Protein backbone atom coordinates (compact mmCIF):
# COMPACT_ATOMS: atom_id res chain seq x y z
CA MET A 1 -39.70 52.70 15.39
CA GLN A 2 -38.68 49.58 17.56
CA SER A 3 -38.75 47.69 14.39
CA LEU A 4 -36.40 49.75 12.23
CA ARG A 5 -33.81 49.72 15.58
CA LYS A 6 -33.94 46.08 15.72
CA ASN A 7 -33.20 45.98 12.02
CA PHE A 8 -30.99 48.64 11.75
CA HIS A 9 -27.91 46.27 10.02
CA LEU A 10 -30.58 44.93 7.51
CA ILE A 11 -31.76 48.51 6.83
CA ASN A 12 -28.07 49.89 6.26
CA GLN A 13 -27.13 46.73 4.27
CA LEU A 14 -30.06 47.37 1.83
CA ALA A 15 -29.22 51.13 1.64
CA THR A 16 -25.71 50.97 1.06
CA GLY A 17 -24.31 47.40 0.40
CA LEU A 18 -23.22 46.39 -3.02
CA PHE A 19 -25.13 42.93 -3.90
CA MET A 20 -24.43 39.92 -6.27
CA ILE A 21 -28.13 38.88 -6.90
CA GLU A 22 -30.11 37.40 -9.41
CA ALA A 23 -32.72 40.11 -10.45
CA SER A 24 -35.70 38.09 -11.02
CA TYR A 25 -34.87 36.41 -7.66
CA ALA A 26 -34.72 40.10 -6.05
CA GLU A 27 -37.62 41.47 -7.68
CA PRO A 28 -40.48 39.75 -5.18
CA TYR A 29 -38.58 41.25 -2.29
CA MET A 30 -38.51 44.73 -3.71
CA PRO A 31 -41.56 45.82 -2.23
CA LEU A 32 -40.80 44.80 1.21
CA VAL A 33 -37.04 46.50 0.71
CA TYR A 34 -38.97 50.14 -0.21
CA LYS A 35 -40.78 50.07 2.86
CA LEU A 36 -38.18 48.94 5.05
CA LEU A 37 -36.34 51.85 3.36
CA ALA A 38 -38.74 54.03 3.71
CA GLY A 39 -38.76 53.65 7.39
CA GLU A 40 -42.43 52.05 7.18
CA SER A 41 -44.00 49.36 9.51
CA VAL A 42 -43.00 46.24 7.97
CA GLU A 43 -44.45 42.76 9.52
CA MET A 44 -41.26 40.57 10.40
CA ASP A 45 -40.80 37.50 12.42
CA GLU A 46 -38.64 39.06 15.15
CA GLU A 47 -37.66 35.94 16.96
CA ASN A 48 -34.08 35.08 17.80
CA THR A 49 -32.64 33.24 14.85
CA GLN A 50 -31.84 29.82 16.19
CA PRO A 51 -29.25 27.50 14.66
CA VAL A 52 -30.78 25.49 11.91
CA CYS A 53 -27.69 23.07 11.40
CA TYR A 54 -28.38 19.47 11.98
CA ALA A 55 -26.87 16.19 11.79
CA ILE A 56 -27.91 13.10 9.83
CA ASN A 57 -26.56 9.60 9.91
CA MET A 58 -26.99 7.12 7.60
CA ALA A 59 -27.50 3.77 8.49
CA ALA A 60 -25.92 0.14 6.54
CA ASP A 61 -29.65 -0.68 6.21
CA GLY A 62 -29.92 2.73 4.46
CA GLY A 63 -32.31 4.07 7.30
CA ILE A 64 -31.67 7.62 8.29
CA VAL A 65 -31.29 9.36 11.72
CA ARG A 66 -31.55 12.97 12.46
CA TYR A 67 -30.13 14.79 15.00
CA GLU A 68 -30.95 18.22 16.33
CA SER A 69 -27.76 18.56 18.04
CA PHE A 70 -23.97 17.57 17.37
CA ASP A 71 -23.48 16.02 20.87
CA GLN A 72 -26.20 13.48 20.39
CA ALA A 73 -25.32 12.67 16.84
CA GLU A 74 -23.70 9.20 16.35
CA PRO A 75 -19.57 9.37 15.54
CA GLY A 76 -19.17 9.92 11.47
CA SER A 77 -22.65 11.73 10.91
CA ILE A 78 -22.89 14.64 8.23
CA ALA A 79 -23.49 18.18 9.25
CA VAL A 80 -26.44 20.01 7.09
CA LEU A 81 -26.37 23.42 7.02
CA PRO A 82 -29.52 24.78 4.97
CA ILE A 83 -28.59 28.10 2.89
CA LYS A 84 -32.05 29.50 2.19
CA GLY A 85 -33.52 32.72 1.21
CA PRO A 86 -31.50 36.21 0.42
CA ILE A 87 -27.80 35.78 1.65
CA MET A 88 -27.03 38.70 4.00
CA LYS A 89 -24.49 39.11 6.68
CA GLN A 90 -26.31 39.63 9.62
CA ASP A 91 -29.72 37.86 10.74
CA TYR A 92 -32.78 39.03 9.40
CA CYS A 93 -36.07 38.09 10.18
CA GLY A 94 -35.55 35.24 11.88
CA SER A 95 -33.09 33.95 8.91
CA PRO A 96 -29.38 33.46 9.86
CA GLY A 97 -26.76 35.66 8.05
CA THR A 98 -23.24 34.42 7.17
CA GLN A 99 -21.83 35.76 10.52
CA SER A 100 -23.91 32.87 12.05
CA MET A 101 -23.57 30.03 9.50
CA LYS A 102 -20.04 30.30 9.32
CA ALA A 103 -19.73 29.99 13.33
CA TRP A 104 -21.90 26.68 12.65
CA LEU A 105 -19.83 25.25 9.80
CA LYS A 106 -16.87 25.77 11.94
CA MET A 107 -18.58 24.00 14.92
CA ALA A 108 -19.48 21.51 13.00
CA ASP A 109 -16.15 20.95 11.64
CA GLU A 110 -14.31 20.80 14.99
CA HIS A 111 -16.93 18.23 16.48
CA PRO A 112 -15.72 14.73 16.90
CA ASN A 113 -19.36 13.31 16.04
CA ILE A 114 -19.45 15.10 12.20
CA SER A 115 -17.00 13.66 9.56
CA GLY A 116 -18.29 15.97 6.35
CA HIS A 117 -20.60 18.68 5.40
CA VAL A 118 -23.73 19.34 3.29
CA LEU A 119 -24.79 23.20 2.28
CA ASP A 120 -28.44 22.70 1.13
CA ILE A 121 -28.70 25.56 -0.86
CA SER A 122 -31.85 27.52 -2.15
CA THR A 123 -30.68 30.89 -3.01
CA GLY A 124 -30.60 33.68 -5.84
CA GLY A 125 -28.12 35.67 -3.86
CA GLY A 126 -27.55 38.42 -2.06
CA ALA A 127 -24.89 40.85 -0.40
CA VAL A 128 -21.45 40.68 -1.02
CA ASP A 129 -20.55 41.39 2.43
CA GLY A 130 -20.24 38.64 4.55
CA THR A 131 -20.09 36.15 1.13
CA PHE A 132 -16.51 35.65 0.80
CA GLU A 133 -15.89 35.61 4.59
CA PHE A 134 -18.35 32.29 4.84
CA ARG A 135 -16.50 31.54 1.43
CA GLN A 136 -13.05 31.19 3.08
CA VAL A 137 -14.48 29.13 5.91
CA ILE A 138 -15.95 26.39 3.45
CA GLU A 139 -12.37 26.11 1.92
CA ASN A 140 -10.39 25.86 5.12
CA SER A 141 -12.80 23.11 6.56
CA LYS A 142 -10.80 20.15 7.26
CA LYS A 143 -13.93 17.52 6.49
CA PRO A 144 -15.31 17.18 2.95
CA VAL A 145 -18.30 19.83 1.82
CA VAL A 146 -21.10 18.61 -0.67
CA ALA A 147 -22.92 21.45 -2.09
CA PHE A 148 -26.69 20.48 -2.76
CA GLY A 149 -28.72 22.93 -5.07
CA ASP A 150 -32.32 22.51 -4.64
CA GLY A 151 -33.60 24.27 -7.20
CA LEU A 152 -31.84 27.45 -7.43
CA ILE A 153 -27.72 28.82 -6.91
CA ALA A 154 -27.21 31.81 -8.19
CA SER A 155 -24.61 34.59 -7.74
CA SER A 156 -23.31 34.97 -4.58
CA GLY A 157 -24.89 31.40 -3.40
CA TYR A 158 -22.69 29.99 -6.23
CA VAL A 159 -19.93 31.79 -4.58
CA LEU A 160 -20.35 29.47 -1.54
CA ALA A 161 -21.28 26.75 -3.79
CA SER A 162 -18.08 26.96 -5.63
CA ALA A 163 -15.98 26.32 -2.63
CA ALA A 164 -17.69 22.79 -2.03
CA ALA A 165 -15.58 19.28 -3.42
CA HIS A 166 -18.79 18.75 -5.54
CA ILE A 167 -21.70 20.40 -6.37
CA MET A 168 -25.00 18.29 -6.80
CA MET A 169 -28.12 19.75 -8.45
CA SER A 170 -31.85 18.17 -7.16
CA ASN A 171 -33.19 18.04 -10.93
CA GLU A 172 -32.60 18.74 -14.30
CA THR A 173 -34.84 21.92 -14.11
CA ALA A 174 -32.52 22.86 -11.29
CA GLN A 175 -30.88 26.51 -12.19
CA ILE A 176 -27.38 27.27 -11.54
CA GLY A 177 -25.30 30.25 -12.55
CA SER A 178 -25.87 34.18 -12.59
CA ILE A 179 -22.00 34.64 -11.81
CA GLY A 180 -21.88 38.40 -12.31
CA THR A 181 -22.16 41.64 -10.23
CA ALA A 182 -24.46 44.29 -11.09
CA ILE A 183 -25.69 47.41 -8.82
CA SER A 184 -29.43 49.83 -9.33
CA PHE A 185 -30.56 52.58 -7.71
CA ARG A 186 -33.71 54.51 -7.87
CA ASP A 187 -33.59 58.15 -9.38
CA SER A 188 -36.55 59.93 -7.88
CA SER A 189 -34.95 63.65 -9.25
CA GLU A 190 -38.04 64.26 -11.20
CA ALA A 191 -40.40 63.53 -8.62
CA ASP A 192 -38.57 65.55 -5.92
CA ALA A 193 -38.60 68.55 -9.02
CA LYS A 194 -42.38 67.99 -9.32
CA TYR A 195 -42.81 68.81 -5.87
CA GLY A 196 -40.06 71.60 -5.85
CA ILE A 197 -37.47 69.33 -3.81
CA LYS A 198 -34.01 70.25 -4.14
CA THR A 199 -30.88 68.23 -3.02
CA HIS A 200 -27.71 69.99 -2.38
CA TYR A 201 -24.74 67.97 -1.97
CA ILE A 202 -21.35 69.63 -0.85
CA ARG A 203 -17.87 68.06 -0.68
CA ALA A 204 -14.80 69.57 1.32
CA THR A 205 -12.27 71.11 -0.60
CA ASN A 206 -10.01 67.99 -0.59
CA SER A 207 -13.04 65.38 -1.10
CA HIS A 208 -13.66 66.12 -4.55
CA GLN A 209 -14.10 62.42 -5.55
CA LYS A 210 -15.99 61.37 -2.28
CA ASN A 211 -19.14 59.57 -3.74
CA GLU A 212 -18.11 60.86 -7.10
CA ASP A 213 -18.95 57.58 -9.01
CA GLY A 214 -22.51 57.46 -7.31
CA LEU A 215 -23.20 61.15 -8.53
CA GLN A 216 -21.62 60.33 -12.16
CA ALA A 217 -24.11 57.34 -12.46
CA GLN A 218 -27.10 59.43 -11.74
CA LYS A 219 -26.10 61.93 -14.38
CA GLY A 220 -26.11 58.84 -16.79
CA ASN A 221 -22.37 58.02 -16.55
CA TYR A 222 -22.07 54.60 -15.30
CA LYS A 223 -18.26 53.84 -16.31
CA PRO A 224 -16.69 55.20 -12.81
CA ILE A 225 -18.93 52.75 -10.64
CA GLN A 226 -17.93 49.99 -13.11
CA GLU A 227 -14.50 50.58 -13.66
CA HIS A 228 -14.02 51.07 -9.42
CA VAL A 229 -16.52 49.55 -7.74
CA LEU A 230 -18.23 46.58 -9.97
CA ASP A 231 -15.36 45.36 -12.21
CA PRO A 232 -12.75 44.76 -9.58
CA THR A 233 -15.70 43.17 -7.37
CA ASN A 234 -16.81 40.87 -10.42
CA ASP A 235 -12.96 40.03 -11.10
CA ILE A 236 -12.72 38.59 -7.28
CA PHE A 237 -15.91 36.51 -8.03
CA ILE A 238 -14.69 35.14 -11.61
CA ASN A 239 -11.55 34.16 -10.21
CA ALA A 240 -12.79 32.33 -7.17
CA VAL A 241 -14.84 30.15 -9.48
CA ARG A 242 -12.02 29.44 -11.71
CA GLN A 243 -9.70 28.29 -8.90
CA SER A 244 -12.60 26.42 -7.21
CA ARG A 245 -13.87 24.77 -10.35
CA ALA A 246 -10.10 24.28 -11.97
CA GLY A 247 -10.15 21.10 -14.75
CA LYS A 248 -13.80 21.20 -14.73
CA LEU A 249 -14.86 24.60 -15.86
CA LYS A 250 -15.14 24.75 -19.71
CA GLU A 251 -14.88 28.50 -20.36
CA SER A 252 -15.18 29.78 -23.72
CA GLU A 253 -13.87 32.62 -25.61
CA PRO A 254 -14.68 35.93 -24.36
CA LEU A 255 -16.37 38.64 -26.91
CA LYS A 256 -14.22 41.16 -27.86
CA GLY A 257 -13.24 43.76 -25.25
CA LYS A 258 -14.67 41.41 -22.43
CA THR A 259 -12.37 38.97 -20.20
CA ALA A 260 -14.61 36.27 -19.43
CA GLY A 261 -16.34 34.03 -21.54
CA GLU A 262 -19.63 31.49 -21.21
CA PRO A 263 -20.45 30.41 -18.33
CA LEU A 264 -19.01 33.21 -16.34
CA ASN A 265 -20.80 35.94 -18.20
CA GLY A 266 -24.04 36.17 -15.68
CA GLN A 267 -25.86 33.64 -17.46
CA MET A 268 -28.02 31.56 -16.03
CA TYR A 269 -27.90 27.36 -16.81
CA LEU A 270 -30.30 24.06 -16.30
CA ALA A 271 -28.73 21.51 -14.23
CA LYS A 272 -27.65 19.43 -17.36
CA GLN A 273 -26.16 22.13 -19.13
CA ALA A 274 -24.27 23.45 -16.13
CA ILE A 275 -22.66 19.91 -15.52
CA ALA A 276 -21.72 20.06 -18.95
CA LEU A 277 -19.79 23.41 -18.82
CA GLY A 278 -18.77 22.39 -15.35
CA LEU A 279 -20.77 24.77 -13.42
CA ALA A 280 -21.96 21.56 -11.23
CA ASP A 281 -21.37 17.77 -10.98
CA SER A 282 -24.31 15.71 -11.13
CA ILE A 283 -28.16 15.52 -9.98
CA GLY A 284 -29.27 13.85 -6.99
CA THR A 285 -31.19 13.93 -4.21
CA LEU A 286 -30.25 15.30 -0.36
CA GLU A 287 -30.00 11.91 0.42
CA ASP A 288 -27.21 11.48 -2.17
CA ALA A 289 -25.47 14.65 -1.48
CA ILE A 290 -25.07 13.28 2.09
CA ALA A 291 -24.21 9.83 1.17
CA LEU A 292 -21.60 11.36 -1.07
CA ALA A 293 -20.28 13.27 1.70
CA GLN A 294 -19.94 10.30 3.89
CA GLN A 295 -18.03 8.65 1.12
CA LEU A 296 -15.78 11.57 0.74
CA ALA A 297 -14.92 11.45 4.49
CA ASN A 298 -14.37 7.66 4.51
CA ASN A 299 -12.22 7.73 1.45
CA SER A 300 -9.84 10.95 1.78
CA GLN A 301 -7.44 11.40 4.53
CA THR A 302 -8.47 14.82 5.72
CA LYS A 303 -7.30 16.49 8.78
CA ASN A 304 -10.08 15.36 10.56
CA SER A 305 -8.61 11.56 10.72
CA SER A 306 -5.68 12.84 12.13
CA HIS A 307 -7.79 15.20 14.85
CA THR A 308 -9.58 12.31 15.86
CA ASN A 309 -6.25 10.11 16.18
CA ASN A 310 -4.56 13.64 18.21
CA ASN A 311 -4.45 11.96 21.70
CA SER A 312 -2.48 9.12 20.14
CA MET A 313 -0.26 10.88 17.82
CA PRO A 314 2.60 12.57 20.65
CA LYS A 315 3.56 8.83 21.01
CA PHE A 316 4.36 8.71 17.59
CA LYS A 317 5.92 12.02 16.74
CA ALA A 318 9.24 11.23 17.80
CA ALA A 319 9.67 8.09 15.65
CA MET A 320 7.99 10.36 12.77
CA THR A 321 10.44 13.13 12.95
CA ALA A 322 13.13 10.52 12.26
CA ILE A 323 11.64 8.58 9.85
CA GLY A 324 10.93 12.33 8.04
CA ALA A 325 14.17 12.98 8.41
CA PHE A 326 15.61 10.10 6.59
CA LEU A 327 12.77 10.87 3.82
CA GLY A 328 14.29 14.35 3.77
CA LEU A 329 11.01 16.24 5.23
CA SER A 330 11.54 19.30 6.87
CA ALA A 331 11.78 18.86 10.94
CA THR A 332 10.61 21.23 13.76
CA ALA A 333 13.05 23.43 15.63
CA ASP A 334 13.57 21.46 18.38
CA ASN A 335 13.80 18.38 16.31
CA GLN A 336 11.16 16.40 18.60
CA GLU A 337 7.83 16.61 17.48
CA MET A 338 6.46 16.90 13.93
CA THR A 339 3.84 19.37 13.06
CA GLN A 340 0.38 17.95 11.40
CA GLU A 341 1.21 19.57 8.40
CA GLN A 342 4.45 17.46 8.59
CA VAL A 343 2.79 14.37 9.58
CA GLU A 344 0.42 14.89 6.09
CA GLN A 345 3.83 15.09 4.37
CA LEU A 346 5.15 12.02 5.87
CA ASN A 347 1.79 9.98 5.07
CA ASN A 348 2.33 11.49 1.55
CA GLU A 349 5.69 10.18 0.85
CA LEU A 350 5.34 6.80 2.52
CA SER A 351 2.32 6.00 0.38
CA ARG A 352 4.43 7.22 -2.66
CA LEU A 353 7.22 4.76 -1.64
CA GLN A 354 4.63 1.76 -1.04
CA SER A 355 3.29 2.90 -4.38
CA ALA A 356 7.20 2.66 -6.02
CA ASN A 357 7.65 -0.70 -4.05
CA ASP A 358 4.17 -2.06 -5.66
CA SER A 359 5.50 -1.52 -9.07
CA LEU A 360 9.05 -2.74 -8.26
CA THR A 361 7.03 -6.19 -6.64
CA THR A 362 5.00 -6.23 -9.79
CA ALA A 363 8.23 -5.88 -12.30
CA GLN A 364 9.91 -8.08 -10.29
CA ALA A 365 7.55 -10.90 -10.76
CA GLY A 366 7.19 -9.97 -14.67
CA PHE A 367 11.12 -10.37 -14.68
CA GLN A 368 11.21 -13.83 -13.01
CA THR A 369 8.34 -14.87 -15.49
CA GLN A 370 10.42 -14.02 -18.32
CA ILE A 371 13.39 -15.86 -16.92
CA ASN A 372 11.65 -19.00 -16.15
CA GLN A 373 10.41 -19.22 -19.63
CA LEU A 374 13.98 -18.37 -21.20
CA THR A 375 15.32 -21.25 -19.21
CA GLN A 376 12.66 -23.70 -20.40
CA ASP A 377 13.36 -22.25 -23.77
CA LEU A 378 17.40 -23.10 -23.71
CA ALA A 379 16.55 -26.47 -22.22
CA THR A 380 14.54 -27.58 -25.13
CA ALA A 381 17.18 -26.07 -27.38
CA ASN A 382 19.43 -28.27 -25.97
CA THR A 383 17.86 -31.18 -26.04
CA ASN A 384 16.81 -30.37 -29.48
CA LEU A 385 20.44 -30.23 -30.02
CA THR A 386 21.42 -33.27 -28.26
CA THR A 387 19.41 -35.13 -30.67
CA ALA A 388 20.63 -33.28 -34.08
CA ASN A 389 24.15 -34.04 -33.10
CA ALA A 390 23.38 -37.78 -32.59
CA SER A 391 21.04 -37.81 -35.98
CA LEU A 392 24.58 -36.22 -37.40
CA THR A 393 26.81 -38.97 -36.12
CA THR A 394 24.71 -41.93 -37.29
CA ALA A 395 24.22 -40.21 -40.76
CA GLN A 396 28.04 -39.99 -40.83
CA ALA A 397 28.12 -43.38 -39.82
CA GLN A 398 25.96 -44.37 -42.36
CA ALA A 399 28.27 -42.23 -45.18
CA ALA A 400 31.44 -43.99 -43.99
CA GLU A 401 29.60 -47.53 -44.60
CA TRP A 402 28.02 -46.67 -47.80
CA LYS A 403 31.62 -45.17 -49.35
CA THR A 404 33.65 -48.13 -48.13
CA LYS A 405 31.03 -50.64 -49.53
CA ALA A 406 31.28 -48.46 -53.12
CA GLU A 407 34.94 -48.73 -53.08
CA THR A 408 34.84 -52.53 -52.41
CA TYR A 409 32.48 -52.95 -54.93
CA GLY A 410 34.30 -50.75 -57.45
CA ALA A 411 37.32 -53.02 -57.16
CA GLN A 412 36.17 -56.18 -58.17
CA PRO A 413 38.20 -58.08 -60.72
CA GLY A 414 37.79 -57.73 -64.22
CA ALA A 415 35.46 -54.89 -63.44
CA THR A 416 36.15 -51.29 -64.62
CA PRO A 417 33.85 -48.75 -62.84
CA THR A 418 31.66 -47.01 -65.27
CA ASN A 419 31.30 -43.08 -63.96
CA PRO A 420 27.62 -42.19 -65.73
CA VAL A 421 28.58 -38.99 -64.81
CA LYS A 422 31.63 -38.59 -66.64
CA ALA A 423 29.79 -40.36 -69.74
CA ASN A 424 26.73 -37.24 -69.37
CA GLU A 425 29.64 -34.84 -69.15
CA GLU A 426 30.82 -35.85 -72.43
CA LEU A 427 27.88 -36.31 -74.34
CA GLU A 428 26.93 -32.70 -73.10
CA SER A 429 30.04 -31.15 -74.01
CA GLY A 430 30.34 -32.59 -77.59
CA ASN A 431 33.35 -34.60 -77.43
CA GLU A 432 31.25 -37.10 -79.19
CA SER A 433 29.12 -35.92 -81.56
CA ASP A 434 26.99 -39.31 -82.15
CA PRO A 435 25.27 -40.70 -79.04
CA GLY A 436 25.69 -44.09 -80.84
CA LYS A 437 29.41 -43.99 -80.78
CA VAL A 438 29.07 -42.88 -77.15
CA ILE A 439 27.24 -45.82 -76.12
CA ALA A 440 29.22 -48.50 -77.95
CA ASN A 441 32.28 -47.34 -76.40
CA LEU A 442 31.17 -47.88 -73.25
CA PRO A 443 33.64 -50.97 -71.81
CA HIS A 444 30.83 -53.47 -71.12
CA ASN A 445 29.45 -53.11 -74.87
CA LYS A 446 33.02 -53.75 -76.34
CA LYS A 447 33.37 -56.68 -73.86
CA LEU A 448 30.14 -57.82 -76.08
CA ASP A 449 31.44 -57.28 -79.35
CA SER A 450 33.96 -60.27 -78.56
CA ASN A 451 31.46 -62.30 -77.10
CA PRO A 452 30.84 -65.06 -79.95
CA LEU A 453 27.21 -65.39 -78.50
CA PHE A 454 26.11 -61.51 -79.38
CA ASN A 455 27.90 -62.08 -82.85
């Protein structure tokens, strides 16, 4: 009875709660669940749940130092939060529930010695209640979160993992998926009838729908509980995954009458196939996941960087407000201080302007190169033109000289210049049909006719 009282929240959730859990993972726990629900004595670890979240610092030489307390950790350490076993809202059997885990994550996110988080997950799922609240804390984390799948991430475990910036699986045989919602119950009506037990369920006049879905399910009509409970819960699950894995998820066309295709149909996948479908991002070790979280923390401008510099920020708020106003960013009511969001807007705008300035500098350098080349080409063209003009002047002078000589030689006494071109034209035009006569009529040949040496 003492055990029953101590585990009242666990028993109540098992009896009445809605679960997102992989069936093969839940099966080994069922004998224990039946004993708890029957009020039987169950041996459980009843020690107070102690925080199991710890910090890891990876040295430059590759060494790893573990700290059990965030206060003892070196600045820049990574918080590791194990999420092992069935996920429940309340602490149970010495294991932490989502209420405790989200408190530890918040504490790590606010601690100055922590720069990022790793969720060390090995679970087949668990209760719906509490899971989405914990997921919201992961999504709202100011520091980067990496999910590490230590063999298994299923059902509500994936609700949590998908909120991380990166999902890394431990090996190729690690499983991930079971994105879906289901419910089961035991029907003992035949056994009760055997022993003469009858159950009478009476509702108030205006409570005709109270527990109607469950009663219909007992009669074999599962549609009401699907439409009113399972489908809406599952839609929340699927939409959360689609939102978190946007740009990565490769969803196939759903079957006729369905609203979700593979891999959002409840199927489990091995690591490589899950990566191909966008459910996971990589395969590695826990140390790899910690190193990645550290890299994300170093490379990204997270809220943590602004948080650690919060003491010096007030000195610059007035100046940043003025710069923000110049850039067209909204200012606070008193126009004296900027909010954290406005500071981030300012940083983004300055980064954009810096990028634009870099592009302009590159373009200017390109233009200058082109101008230098054109100037060089123009100088070469001018030189070539000067040389050509000089050559033309020389050629003109030579032509004038030859013309003078030709005129001088053609004007010698007793000489009649012969125009061979004209003779050829007469020959070709047919003015003289006998070529011999044409040759004989040439002036120098006629002179030979009167020369006694040739007659």
